[in-house]
């Protein structure tokens, strides 16, 4: 079978096509499309949040005894990328919500010939 990361990547691509595929121009994001995106992207990213690596750590018990245990840490690349992905997602919806308020005007112009 496919690697789980590839499967999650395909699922996110399919979700993006389903939510944004019908959009042919810059316009406000409908409440239904945004709700679907937010709900399903959380479902898809949930397994990613549980990809961990084990690292030795020392735990001090109540009686002062020190024991070595394995500590679960989110993988470094995921710990860096996941918050960035969430910030970008929030920024995108912030921009798209301004279309609804009429705060952005888009004008297409052609480049002058050299």
PDB file of N, CA and C in Angstrom:
ATOM      1  N   UNK A   1       0.791  -1.181   0.000  1.00  0.00           N
ATOM      2  CA  UNK A   1       0.000   0.000   0.000  1.00  0.00           C
ATOM      3  C   UNK A   1       0.848   1.265   0.000  1.00  0.00           C
ATOM      4  N   UNK A   2       0.162   2.352  -0.038  1.00  0.00           N
ATOM      5  CA  UNK A   2       0.818   3.662  -0.032  1.00  0.00           C
ATOM      6  C   UNK A   2       1.295   4.017   1.360  1.00  0.00           C
ATOM      7  N   UNK A   3       2.269   4.878   1.413  1.00  0.00           N
ATOM      8  CA  UNK A   3       2.756   5.424   2.676  1.00  0.00           C
ATOM      9  C   UNK A   3       1.647   6.296   3.257  1.00  0.00           C
ATOM     10  N   UNK A   4       1.442   6.263   4.583  1.00  0.00           N
ATOM     11  CA  UNK A   4       0.360   7.070   5.173  1.00  0.00           C
ATOM     12  C   UNK A   4       0.450   8.563   4.857  1.00  0.00           C
ATOM     13  N   UNK A   5       1.662   9.106   4.758  1.00  0.00           N
ATOM     14  CA  UNK A   5       1.803  10.528   4.443  1.00  0.00           C
ATOM     15  C   UNK A   5       1.275  10.835   3.043  1.00  0.00           C
ATOM     16  N   UNK A   6       1.505   9.913   2.106  1.00  0.00           N
ATOM     17  CA  UNK A   6       1.005  10.093   0.741  1.00  0.00           C
ATOM     18  C   UNK A   6      -0.526  10.049   0.746  1.00  0.00           C
ATOM     19  N   UNK A   7      -1.077   9.131   1.521  1.00  0.00           N
ATOM     20  CA  UNK A   7      -2.533   9.004   1.610  1.00  0.00           C
ATOM     21  C   UNK A   7      -3.153  10.278   2.176  1.00  0.00           C
ATOM     22  N   UNK A   8      -2.561  10.827   3.248  1.00  0.00           N
ATOM     23  CA  UNK A   8      -3.068  12.076   3.837  1.00  0.00           C
ATOM     24  C   UNK A   8      -2.933  13.216   2.834  1.00  0.00           C
ATOM     25  N   UNK A   9      -1.804  13.268   2.124  1.00  0.00           N
ATOM     26  CA  UNK A   9      -1.608  14.303   1.106  1.00  0.00           C
ATOM     27  C   UNK A   9      -2.660  14.248   0.014  1.00  0.00           C
ATOM     28  N   UNK A  10      -2.978  13.048  -0.450  1.00  0.00           N
ATOM     29  CA  UNK A  10      -4.027  12.899  -1.470  1.00  0.00           C
ATOM     30  C   UNK A  10      -5.389  13.318  -0.918  1.00  0.00           C
ATOM     31  N   UNK A  11      -5.657  12.974   0.326  1.00  0.00           N
ATOM     32  CA  UNK A  11      -6.940  13.348   0.924  1.00  0.00           C
ATOM     33  C   UNK A  11      -7.070  14.862   1.037  1.00  0.00           C
ATOM     34  N   UNK A  12      -5.991  15.554   1.412  1.00  0.00           N
ATOM     35  CA  UNK A  12      -6.031  17.018   1.502  1.00  0.00           C
ATOM     36  C   UNK A  12      -6.229  17.627   0.119  1.00  0.00           C
ATOM     37  N   UNK A  13      -5.563  17.069  -0.891  1.00  0.00           N
ATOM     38  CA  UNK A  13      -5.738  17.553  -2.260  1.00  0.00           C
ATOM     39  C   UNK A  13      -7.181  17.374  -2.714  1.00  0.00           C
ATOM     40  N   UNK A  14      -7.754  16.207  -2.440  1.00  0.00           N
ATOM     41  CA  UNK A  14      -9.146  15.958  -2.830  1.00  0.00           C
ATOM     42  C   UNK A  14     -10.106  16.893  -2.096  1.00  0.00           C
ATOM     43  N   UNK A  15      -9.828  17.167  -0.825  1.00  0.00           N
ATOM     44  CA  UNK A  15     -10.660  18.113  -0.074  1.00  0.00           C
ATOM     45  C   UNK A  15     -10.573  19.503  -0.682  1.00  0.00           C
ATOM     46  N   UNK A  16      -9.358  19.934  -1.038  1.00  0.00           N
ATOM     47  CA  UNK A  16      -9.189  21.256  -1.646  1.00  0.00           C
ATOM     48  C   UNK A  16      -9.954  21.352  -2.965  1.00  0.00           C
ATOM     49  N   UNK A  17      -9.891  20.306  -3.769  1.00  0.00           N
ATOM     50  CA  UNK A  17     -10.618  20.312  -5.043  1.00  0.00           C
ATOM     51  C   UNK A  17     -12.125  20.375  -4.792  1.00  0.00           C
ATOM     52  N   UNK A  18     -12.600  19.619  -3.799  1.00  0.00           N
ATOM     53  CA  UNK A  18     -14.036  19.611  -3.519  1.00  0.00           C
ATOM     54  C   UNK A  18     -14.514  20.962  -2.990  1.00  0.00           C
ATOM     55  N   UNK A  19     -13.710  21.606  -2.142  1.00  0.00           N
ATOM     56  CA  UNK A  19     -14.124  22.891  -1.553  1.00  0.00           C
ATOM     57  C   UNK A  19     -13.907  24.062  -2.500  1.00  0.00           C
ATOM     58  N   UNK A  20     -12.765  24.080  -3.178  1.00  0.00           N
ATOM     59  CA  UNK A  20     -12.384  25.270  -3.947  1.00  0.00           C
ATOM     60  C   UNK A  20     -12.436  25.058  -5.445  1.00  0.00           C
ATOM     61  N   UNK A  21     -12.646  23.843  -5.921  1.00  0.00           N
ATOM     62  CA  UNK A  21     -12.668  23.565  -7.350  1.00  0.00           C
ATOM     63  C   UNK A  21     -13.701  24.371  -8.122  1.00  0.00           C
ATOM     64  N   UNK A  22     -14.924  24.511  -7.589  1.00  0.00           N
ATOM     65  CA  UNK A  22     -15.942  25.273  -8.327  1.00  0.00           C
ATOM     66  C   UNK A  22     -15.670  26.779  -8.368  1.00  0.00           C
ATOM     67  N   UNK A  23     -14.737  27.283  -7.563  1.00  0.00           N
ATOM     68  CA  UNK A  23     -14.469  28.715  -7.513  1.00  0.00           C
ATOM     69  C   UNK A  23     -13.665  29.114  -8.749  1.00  0.00           C
ATOM     70  N   UNK A  24     -14.239  29.983  -9.559  1.00  0.00           N
ATOM     71  CA  UNK A  24     -13.588  30.399 -10.799  1.00  0.00           C
ATOM     72  C   UNK A  24     -13.025  31.810 -10.723  1.00  0.00           C
ATOM     73  N   UNK A  25     -13.339  32.530  -9.651  1.00  0.00           N
ATOM     74  CA  UNK A  25     -12.858  33.905  -9.537  1.00  0.00           C
ATOM     75  C   UNK A  25     -12.701  34.244  -8.052  1.00  0.00           C
ATOM     76  N   UNK A  26     -12.081  35.372  -7.795  1.00  0.00           N
ATOM     77  CA  UNK A  26     -11.925  35.825  -6.413  1.00  0.00           C
ATOM     78  C   UNK A  26     -13.279  36.276  -5.892  1.00  0.00           C
ATOM     79  N   UNK A  27     -13.730  35.637  -4.849  1.00  0.00           N
ATOM     80  CA  UNK A  27     -15.033  35.948  -4.285  1.00  0.00           C
ATOM     81  C   UNK A  27     -15.058  35.506  -2.836  1.00  0.00           C
ATOM     82  N   UNK A  28     -16.061  35.944  -2.086  1.00  0.00           N
ATOM     83  CA  UNK A  28     -16.143  35.523  -0.686  1.00  0.00           C
ATOM     84  C   UNK A  28     -16.276  34.004  -0.569  1.00  0.00           C
ATOM     85  N   UNK A  29     -15.728  33.486   0.503  1.00  0.00           N
ATOM     86  CA  UNK A  29     -15.865  32.060   0.771  1.00  0.00           C
ATOM     87  C   UNK A  29     -17.202  31.847   1.467  1.00  0.00           C
ATOM     88  N   UNK A  30     -17.993  30.944   0.940  1.00  0.00           N
ATOM     89  CA  UNK A  30     -19.279  30.651   1.553  1.00  0.00           C
ATOM     90  C   UNK A  30     -19.104  29.983   2.911  1.00  0.00           C
ATOM     91  N   UNK A  31     -20.071  30.187   3.772  1.00  0.00           N
ATOM     92  CA  UNK A  31     -19.999  29.620   5.125  1.00  0.00           C
ATOM     93  C   UNK A  31     -19.943  28.101   5.082  1.00  0.00           C
ATOM     94  N   UNK A  32     -20.665  27.484   4.173  1.00  0.00           N
ATOM     95  CA  UNK A  32     -20.682  26.026   4.083  1.00  0.00           C
ATOM     96  C   UNK A  32     -19.313  25.490   3.655  1.00  0.00           C
ATOM     97  N   UNK A  33     -18.695  26.140   2.664  1.00  0.00           N
ATOM     98  CA  UNK A  33     -17.376  25.690   2.192  1.00  0.00           C
ATOM     99  C   UNK A  33     -16.332  25.864   3.285  1.00  0.00           C
ATOM    100  N   UNK A  34     -16.385  26.974   3.993  1.00  0.00           N
ATOM    101  CA  UNK A  34     -15.408  27.205   5.063  1.00  0.00           C
ATOM    102  C   UNK A  34     -15.596  26.205   6.209  1.00  0.00           C
ATOM    103  N   UNK A  35     -16.834  25.961   6.593  1.00  0.00           N
ATOM    104  CA  UNK A  35     -17.102  25.004   7.669  1.00  0.00           C
ATOM    105  C   UNK A  35     -16.638  23.603   7.279  1.00  0.00           C
ATOM    106  N   UNK A  36     -16.901  23.223   6.038  1.00  0.00           N
ATOM    107  CA  UNK A  36     -16.468  21.901   5.566  1.00  0.00           C
ATOM    108  C   UNK A  36     -14.952  21.806   5.581  1.00  0.00           C
ATOM    109  N   UNK A  37     -14.284  22.842   5.065  1.00  0.00           N
ATOM    110  CA  UNK A  37     -12.823  22.851   5.041  1.00  0.00           C
ATOM    111  C   UNK A  37     -12.262  22.719   6.453  1.00  0.00           C
ATOM    112  N   UNK A  38     -12.737  23.541   7.381  1.00  0.00           N
ATOM    113  CA  UNK A  38     -12.196  23.537   8.741  1.00  0.00           C
ATOM    114  C   UNK A  38     -12.417  22.192   9.430  1.00  0.00           C
ATOM    115  N   UNK A  39     -13.598  21.622   9.242  1.00  0.00           N
ATOM    116  CA  UNK A  39     -13.901  20.342   9.887  1.00  0.00           C
ATOM    117  C   UNK A  39     -13.045  19.223   9.306  1.00  0.00           C
ATOM    118  N   UNK A  40     -12.998  19.129   7.992  1.00  0.00           N
ATOM    119  CA  UNK A  40     -12.301  18.013   7.367  1.00  0.00           C
ATOM    120  C   UNK A  40     -10.785  18.146   7.454  1.00  0.00           C
ATOM    121  N   UNK A  41     -10.246  19.373   7.431  1.00  0.00           N
ATOM    122  CA  UNK A  41      -8.794  19.518   7.548  1.00  0.00           C
ATOM    123  C   UNK A  41      -8.349  19.105   8.950  1.00  0.00           C
ATOM    124  N   UNK A  42      -9.184  19.360   9.955  1.00  0.00           N
ATOM    125  CA  UNK A  42      -8.855  18.899  11.307  1.00  0.00           C
ATOM    126  C   UNK A  42      -8.844  17.380  11.366  1.00  0.00           C
ATOM    127  N   UNK A  43      -9.807  16.743  10.709  1.00  0.00           N
ATOM    128  CA  UNK A  43      -9.831  15.280  10.684  1.00  0.00           C
ATOM    129  C   UNK A  43      -8.575  14.728  10.015  1.00  0.00           C
ATOM    130  N   UNK A  44      -8.160  15.375   8.924  1.00  0.00           N
ATOM    131  CA  UNK A  44      -7.000  14.882   8.185  1.00  0.00           C
ATOM    132  C   UNK A  44      -5.686  15.135   8.928  1.00  0.00           C
ATOM    133  N   UNK A  45      -5.611  16.239   9.663  1.00  0.00           N
ATOM    134  CA  UNK A  45      -4.370  16.555  10.373  1.00  0.00           C
ATOM    135  C   UNK A  45      -4.270  15.885  11.731  1.00  0.00           C
ATOM    136  N   UNK A  46      -5.350  15.340  12.226  1.00  0.00           N
ATOM    137  CA  UNK A  46      -5.325  14.693  13.534  1.00  0.00           C
ATOM    138  C   UNK A  46      -4.282  13.577  13.618  1.00  0.00           C
ATOM    139  N   UNK A  47      -4.191  12.671  12.642  1.00  0.00           N
ATOM    140  CA  UNK A  47      -3.151  11.638  12.746  1.00  0.00           C
ATOM    141  C   UNK A  47      -1.734  12.215  12.711  1.00  0.00           C
ATOM    142  N   UNK A  48      -1.551  13.311  11.985  1.00  0.00           N
ATOM    143  CA  UNK A  48      -0.224  13.926  11.889  1.00  0.00           C
ATOM    144  C   UNK A  48       0.233  14.427  13.256  1.00  0.00           C
ATOM    145  N   UNK A  49      -0.717  14.881  14.070  1.00  0.00           N
ATOM    146  CA  UNK A  49      -0.380  15.393  15.393  1.00  0.00           C
ATOM    147  C   UNK A  49       0.086  14.291  16.340  1.00  0.00           C
ATOM    148  N   UNK A  50      -0.057  13.037  15.921  1.00  0.00           N
ATOM    149  CA  UNK A  50       0.351  11.914  16.766  1.00  0.00           C
ATOM    150  C   UNK A  50       1.580  11.190  16.218  1.00  0.00           C
ATOM    151  N   UNK A  51       2.257  11.790  15.258  1.00  0.00           N
ATOM    152  CA  UNK A  51       3.509  11.230  14.768  1.00  0.00           C
ATOM    153  C   UNK A  51       4.601  11.758  15.688  1.00  0.00           C
ATOM    154  N   UNK A  52       5.090  10.885  16.530  1.00  0.00           N
ATOM    155  CA  UNK A  52       6.026  11.301  17.570  1.00  0.00           C
ATOM    156  C   UNK A  52       7.328  10.534  17.457  1.00  0.00           C
ATOM    157  N   UNK A  53       8.305  11.042  18.146  1.00  0.00           N
ATOM    158  CA  UNK A  53       9.565  10.323  18.318  1.00  0.00           C
ATOM    159  C   UNK A  53       9.780  10.170  19.817  1.00  0.00           C
ATOM    160  N   UNK A  54      10.465   9.129  20.183  1.00  0.00           N
ATOM    161  CA  UNK A  54      10.719   8.854  21.589  1.00  0.00           C
ATOM    162  C   UNK A  54      12.139   9.306  21.942  1.00  0.00           C
ATOM    163  N   UNK A  55      12.239   9.994  23.079  1.00  0.00           N
ATOM    164  CA  UNK A  55      13.541  10.485  23.526  1.00  0.00           C
ATOM    165  C   UNK A  55      13.690  10.156  25.011  1.00  0.00           C
ATOM    166  N   UNK A  56      14.867   9.693  25.399  1.00  0.00           N
ATOM    167  CA  UNK A  56      15.063   9.391  26.820  1.00  0.00           C
ATOM    168  C   UNK A  56      14.991  10.658  27.665  1.00  0.00           C
ATOM    169  N   UNK A  57      14.374  10.535  28.825  1.00  0.00           N
ATOM    170  CA  UNK A  57      14.270  11.638  29.772  1.00  0.00           C
ATOM    171  C   UNK A  57      14.358  11.057  31.183  1.00  0.00           C
ATOM    172  N   UNK A  58      14.608  11.918  32.139  1.00  0.00           N
ATOM    173  CA  UNK A  58      14.696  11.491  33.533  1.00  0.00           C
ATOM    174  C   UNK A  58      13.463  12.011  34.263  1.00  0.00           C
ATOM    175  N   UNK A  59      12.828  11.112  35.015  1.00  0.00           N
ATOM    176  CA  UNK A  59      11.654  11.479  35.803  1.00  0.00           C
ATOM    177  C   UNK A  59      12.009  11.266  37.275  1.00  0.00           C
ATOM    178  N   UNK A  60      11.657  12.237  38.091  1.00  0.00           N
ATOM    179  CA  UNK A  60      11.908  12.126  39.524  1.00  0.00           C
ATOM    180  C   UNK A  60      10.602  11.706  40.193  1.00  0.00           C
ATOM    181  N   UNK A  61      10.641  10.575  40.885  1.00  0.00           N
ATOM    182  CA  UNK A  61       9.470  10.065  41.586  1.00  0.00           C
ATOM    183  C   UNK A  61       9.272  10.814  42.900  1.00  0.00           C
ATOM    184  N   UNK A  62       8.129  10.591  43.546  1.00  0.00           N
ATOM    185  CA  UNK A  62       7.798  11.274  44.800  1.00  0.00           C
ATOM    186  C   UNK A  62       8.840  11.034  45.893  1.00  0.00           C
ATOM    187  N   UNK A  63       9.455   9.842  45.904  1.00  0.00           N
ATOM    188  CA  UNK A  63      10.429   9.533  46.952  1.00  0.00           C
ATOM    189  C   UNK A  63      11.835  10.018  46.602  1.00  0.00           C
ATOM    190  N   UNK A  64      11.967  10.755  45.482  1.00  0.00           N
ATOM    191  CA  UNK A  64      13.264  11.303  45.090  1.00  0.00           C
ATOM    192  C   UNK A  64      14.059  10.405  44.152  1.00  0.00           C
ATOM    193  N   UNK A  65      13.566   9.226  43.883  1.00  0.00           N
ATOM    194  CA  UNK A  65      14.248   8.302  42.985  1.00  0.00           C
ATOM    195  C   UNK A  65      14.174   8.831  41.562  1.00  0.00           C
ATOM    196  N   UNK A  66      15.284   8.757  40.863  1.00  0.00           N
ATOM    197  CA  UNK A  66      15.344   9.193  39.474  1.00  0.00           C
ATOM    198  C   UNK A  66      15.300   7.963  38.578  1.00  0.00           C
ATOM    199  N   UNK A  67      14.360   7.957  37.651  1.00  0.00           N
ATOM    200  CA  UNK A  67      14.245   6.843  36.714  1.00  0.00           C
ATOM    201  C   UNK A  67      14.272   7.395  35.293  1.00  0.00           C
ATOM    202  N   UNK A  68      14.817   6.574  34.418  1.00  0.00           N
ATOM    203  CA  UNK A  68      14.851   6.980  33.012  1.00  0.00           C
ATOM    204  C   UNK A  68      13.587   6.475  32.335  1.00  0.00           C
ATOM    205  N   UNK A  69      12.921   7.369  31.618  1.00  0.00           N
ATOM    206  CA  UNK A  69      11.700   7.040  30.886  1.00  0.00           C
ATOM    207  C   UNK A  69      11.849   7.532  29.450  1.00  0.00           C
ATOM    208  N   UNK A  70      10.974   7.070  28.600  1.00  0.00           N
ATOM    209  CA  UNK A  70      10.953   7.547  27.222  1.00  0.00           C
ATOM    210  C   UNK A  70       9.873   8.619  27.105  1.00  0.00           C
ATOM    211  N   UNK A  71      10.257   9.773  26.596  1.00  0.00           N
ATOM    212  CA  UNK A  71       9.352  10.911  26.453  1.00  0.00           C
ATOM    213  C   UNK A  71       8.886  10.992  25.003  1.00  0.00           C
ATOM    214  N   UNK A  72       7.589  11.192  24.816  1.00  0.00           N
ATOM    215  CA  UNK A  72       7.022  11.321  23.473  1.00  0.00           C
ATOM    216  C   UNK A  72       7.084  12.794  23.055  1.00  0.00           C
ATOM    217  N   UNK A  73       7.723  13.052  21.932  1.00  0.00           N
ATOM    218  CA  UNK A  73       7.818  14.410  21.397  1.00  0.00           C
ATOM    219  C   UNK A  73       7.316  14.411  19.967  1.00  0.00           C
ATOM    220  N   UNK A  74       6.596  15.459  19.612  1.00  0.00           N
ATOM    221  CA  UNK A  74       6.167  15.627  18.230  1.00  0.00           C
ATOM    222  C   UNK A  74       7.406  15.745  17.359  1.00  0.00           C
ATOM    223  N   UNK A  75       7.401  15.080  16.224  1.00  0.00           N
ATOM    224  CA  UNK A  75       8.557  15.130  15.333  1.00  0.00           C
ATOM    225  C   UNK A  75       8.875  16.574  14.978  1.00  0.00           C
ATOM    226  N   UNK A  76      10.159  16.919  14.889  1.00  0.00           N
ATOM    227  CA  UNK A  76      10.580  18.315  14.716  1.00  0.00           C
ATOM    228  C   UNK A  76       9.996  18.968  13.479  1.00  0.00           C
ATOM    229  N   UNK A  77      10.004  18.275  12.347  1.00  0.00           N
ATOM    230  CA  UNK A  77       9.478  18.882  11.123  1.00  0.00           C
ATOM    231  C   UNK A  77       7.980  19.168  11.252  1.00  0.00           C
ATOM    232  N   UNK A  78       7.272  18.292  11.932  1.00  0.00           N
ATOM    233  CA  UNK A  78       5.836  18.508  12.129  1.00  0.00           C
ATOM    234  C   UNK A  78       5.612  19.633  13.130  1.00  0.00           C
ATOM    235  N   UNK A  79       6.414  19.661  14.193  1.00  0.00           N
ATOM    236  CA  UNK A  79       6.274  20.713  15.204  1.00  0.00           C
ATOM    237  C   UNK A  79       6.509  22.093  14.596  1.00  0.00           C
ATOM    238  N   UNK A  80       7.358  22.177  13.577  1.00  0.00           N
ATOM    239  CA  UNK A  80       7.606  23.453  12.898  1.00  0.00           C
ATOM    240  C   UNK A  80       6.536  23.768  11.860  1.00  0.00           C
ATOM    241  N   UNK A  81       6.142  22.754  11.073  1.00  0.00           N
ATOM    242  CA  UNK A  81       5.270  22.987   9.924  1.00  0.00           C
ATOM    243  C   UNK A  81       3.795  23.133  10.300  1.00  0.00           C
ATOM    244  N   UNK A  82       3.333  22.393  11.296  1.00  0.00           N
ATOM    245  CA  UNK A  82       1.908  22.409  11.615  1.00  0.00           C
ATOM    246  C   UNK A  82       1.413  23.782  12.088  1.00  0.00           C
ATOM    247  N   UNK A  83       2.107  24.453  13.018  1.00  0.00           N
ATOM    248  CA  UNK A  83       1.656  25.803  13.389  1.00  0.00           C
ATOM    249  C   UNK A  83       1.726  26.790  12.223  1.00  0.00           C
ATOM    250  N   UNK A  84       2.753  26.651  11.367  1.00  0.00           N
ATOM    251  CA  UNK A  84       2.861  27.526  10.200  1.00  0.00           C
ATOM    252  C   UNK A  84       1.691  27.293   9.244  1.00  0.00           C
ATOM    253  N   UNK A  85       1.321  26.038   9.058  1.00  0.00           N
ATOM    254  CA  UNK A  85       0.195  25.713   8.197  1.00  0.00           C
ATOM    255  C   UNK A  85      -1.093  26.332   8.739  1.00  0.00           C
ATOM    256  N   UNK A  86      -1.291  26.278  10.041  1.00  0.00           N
ATOM    257  CA  UNK A  86      -2.487  26.860  10.653  1.00  0.00           C
ATOM    258  C   UNK A  86      -2.499  28.389  10.516  1.00  0.00           C
ATOM    259  N   UNK A  87      -1.315  29.025  10.650  1.00  0.00           N
ATOM    260  CA  UNK A  87      -1.245  30.487  10.479  1.00  0.00           C
ATOM    261  C   UNK A  87      -1.566  30.889   9.044  1.00  0.00           C
ATOM    262  N   UNK A  88      -1.035  30.145   8.083  1.00  0.00           N
ATOM    263  CA  UNK A  88      -1.291  30.443   6.672  1.00  0.00           C
ATOM    264  C   UNK A  88      -2.767  30.251   6.359  1.00  0.00           C
ATOM    265  N   UNK A  89      -3.349  29.189   6.889  1.00  0.00           N
ATOM    266  CA  UNK A  89      -4.772  28.924   6.683  1.00  0.00           C
ATOM    267  C   UNK A  89      -5.617  30.079   7.233  1.00  0.00           C
ATOM    268  N   UNK A  90      -5.287  30.540   8.442  1.00  0.00           N
ATOM    269  CA  UNK A  90      -6.019  31.659   9.052  1.00  0.00           C
ATOM    270  C   UNK A  90      -5.823  32.939   8.245  1.00  0.00           C
ATOM    271  N   UNK A  91      -4.617  33.179   7.751  1.00  0.00           N
ATOM    272  CA  UNK A  91      -4.355  34.379   6.954  1.00  0.00           C
ATOM    273  C   UNK A  91      -5.141  34.340   5.646  1.00  0.00           C
ATOM    274  N   UNK A  92      -5.207  33.173   5.016  1.00  0.00           N
ATOM    275  CA  UNK A  92      -5.958  33.030   3.768  1.00  0.00           C
ATOM    276  C   UNK A  92      -7.435  33.352   3.984  1.00  0.00           C
ATOM    277  N   UNK A  93      -8.015  32.788   5.038  1.00  0.00           N
ATOM    278  CA  UNK A  93      -9.420  33.081   5.310  1.00  0.00           C
ATOM    279  C   UNK A  93      -9.615  34.536   5.718  1.00  0.00           C
ATOM    280  N   UNK A  94      -8.607  35.132   6.352  1.00  0.00           N
ATOM    281  CA  UNK A  94      -8.692  36.559   6.687  1.00  0.00           C
ATOM    282  C   UNK A  94      -8.779  37.412   5.445  1.00  0.00           C
ATOM    283  N   UNK A  95      -7.985  37.092   4.439  1.00  0.00           N
ATOM    284  CA  UNK A  95      -8.012  37.841   3.178  1.00  0.00           C
ATOM    285  C   UNK A  95      -9.333  37.590   2.455  1.00  0.00           C
ATOM    286  N   UNK A  96      -9.726  36.322   2.367  1.00  0.00           N
ATOM    287  CA  UNK A  96     -10.954  36.005   1.639  1.00  0.00           C
ATOM    288  C   UNK A  96     -12.192  36.589   2.310  1.00  0.00           C
ATOM    289  N   UNK A  97     -12.178  36.724   3.640  1.00  0.00           N
ATOM    290  CA  UNK A  97     -13.343  37.308   4.313  1.00  0.00           C
ATOM    291  C   UNK A  97     -13.451  38.799   4.022  1.00  0.00           C
ATOM    292  N   UNK A  98     -12.344  39.452   3.666  1.00  0.00           N
ATOM    293  CA  UNK A  98     -12.411  40.880   3.332  1.00  0.00           C
ATOM    294  C   UNK A  98     -13.124  41.119   2.013  1.00  0.00           C
ATOM    295  N   UNK A  99     -13.202  40.120   1.148  1.00  0.00           N
ATOM    296  CA  UNK A  99     -13.967  40.280  -0.084  1.00  0.00           C
ATOM    297  C   UNK A  99     -15.436  40.505   0.245  1.00  0.00           C
ATOM    298  N   UNK A 100     -15.916  39.842   1.260  1.00  0.00           N
ATOM    299  CA  UNK A 100     -17.321  39.943   1.644  1.00  0.00           C
ATOM    300  C   UNK A 100     -17.640  41.348   2.124  1.00  0.00           C
ATOM    301  N   UNK A 101     -16.690  41.965   2.841  1.00  0.00           N
ATOM    302  CA  UNK A 101     -16.917  43.288   3.396  1.00  0.00           C
ATOM    303  C   UNK A 101     -16.717  44.403   2.377  1.00  0.00           C
ATOM    304  N   UNK A 102     -16.332  44.033   1.180  1.00  0.00           N
ATOM    305  CA  UNK A 102     -16.102  45.033   0.149  1.00  0.00           C
ATOM    306  C   UNK A 102     -14.815  45.805   0.370  1.00  0.00           C
ATOM    307  N   UNK A 103     -13.926  45.276   1.200  1.00  0.00           N
ATOM    308  CA  UNK A 103     -12.693  45.985   1.515  1.00  0.00           C
ATOM    309  C   UNK A 103     -11.602  45.809   0.484  1.00  0.00           C
ATOM    310  N   UNK A 104     -11.776  44.916  -0.447  1.00  0.00           N
ATOM    311  CA  UNK A 104     -10.752  44.675  -1.466  1.00  0.00           C
ATOM    312  C   UNK A 104     -11.390  44.820  -2.839  1.00  0.00           C
ATOM    313  N   UNK A 105     -10.744  45.574  -3.665  1.00  0.00           N
ATOM    314  CA  UNK A 105     -11.201  45.709  -5.038  1.00  0.00           C
ATOM    315  C   UNK A 105     -10.120  45.119  -5.930  1.00  0.00           C
ATOM    316  N   UNK A 106     -10.512  44.253  -6.817  1.00  0.00           N
ATOM    317  CA  UNK A 106      -9.564  43.593  -7.707  1.00  0.00           C
ATOM    318  C   UNK A 106      -9.777  44.114  -9.112  1.00  0.00           C
ATOM    319  N   UNK A 107      -8.701  44.574  -9.707  1.00  0.00           N
ATOM    320  CA  UNK A 107      -8.754  45.020 -11.102  1.00  0.00           C
ATOM    321  C   UNK A 107      -7.671  44.283 -11.868  1.00  0.00           C
ATOM    322  N   UNK A 108      -8.047  43.677 -12.953  1.00  0.00           N
ATOM    323  CA  UNK A 108      -7.085  42.970 -13.784  1.00  0.00           C
ATOM    324  C   UNK A 108      -6.662  43.927 -14.894  1.00  0.00           C
ATOM    325  N   UNK A 109      -5.357  44.003 -15.088  1.00  0.00           N
ATOM    326  CA  UNK A 109      -4.855  44.833 -16.182  1.00  0.00           C
ATOM    327  C   UNK A 109      -3.773  44.058 -16.889  1.00  0.00           C
ATOM    328  N   UNK A 110      -3.657  44.312 -18.159  1.00  0.00           N
ATOM    329  CA  UNK A 110      -2.640  43.600 -18.941  1.00  0.00           C
ATOM    330  C   UNK A 110      -1.309  44.323 -18.798  1.00  0.00           C
ATOM    331  N   UNK A 111      -0.250  43.566 -18.947  1.00  0.00           N
ATOM    332  CA  UNK A 111       1.078  44.159 -18.906  1.00  0.00           C
ATOM    333  C   UNK A 111       1.356  44.865 -20.226  1.00  0.00           C
ATOM    334  N   UNK A 112       1.947  46.039 -20.167  1.00  0.00           N
ATOM    335  CA  UNK A 112       2.252  46.725 -21.444  1.00  0.00           C
ATOM    336  C   UNK A 112       3.339  45.972 -22.198  1.00  0.00           C
ATOM    337  N   UNK A 113       3.213  46.006 -23.504  1.00  0.00           N
ATOM    338  CA  UNK A 113       4.214  45.326 -24.349  1.00  0.00           C
ATOM    339  C   UNK A 113       5.548  46.046 -24.229  1.00  0.00           C
ATOM    340  N   UNK A 114       6.655  45.295 -24.168  1.00  0.00           N
ATOM    341  CA  UNK A 114       7.981  45.952 -24.046  1.00  0.00           C
ATOM    342  C   UNK A 114       8.402  46.690 -25.290  1.00  0.00           C
TER     343      UNK A 114
END
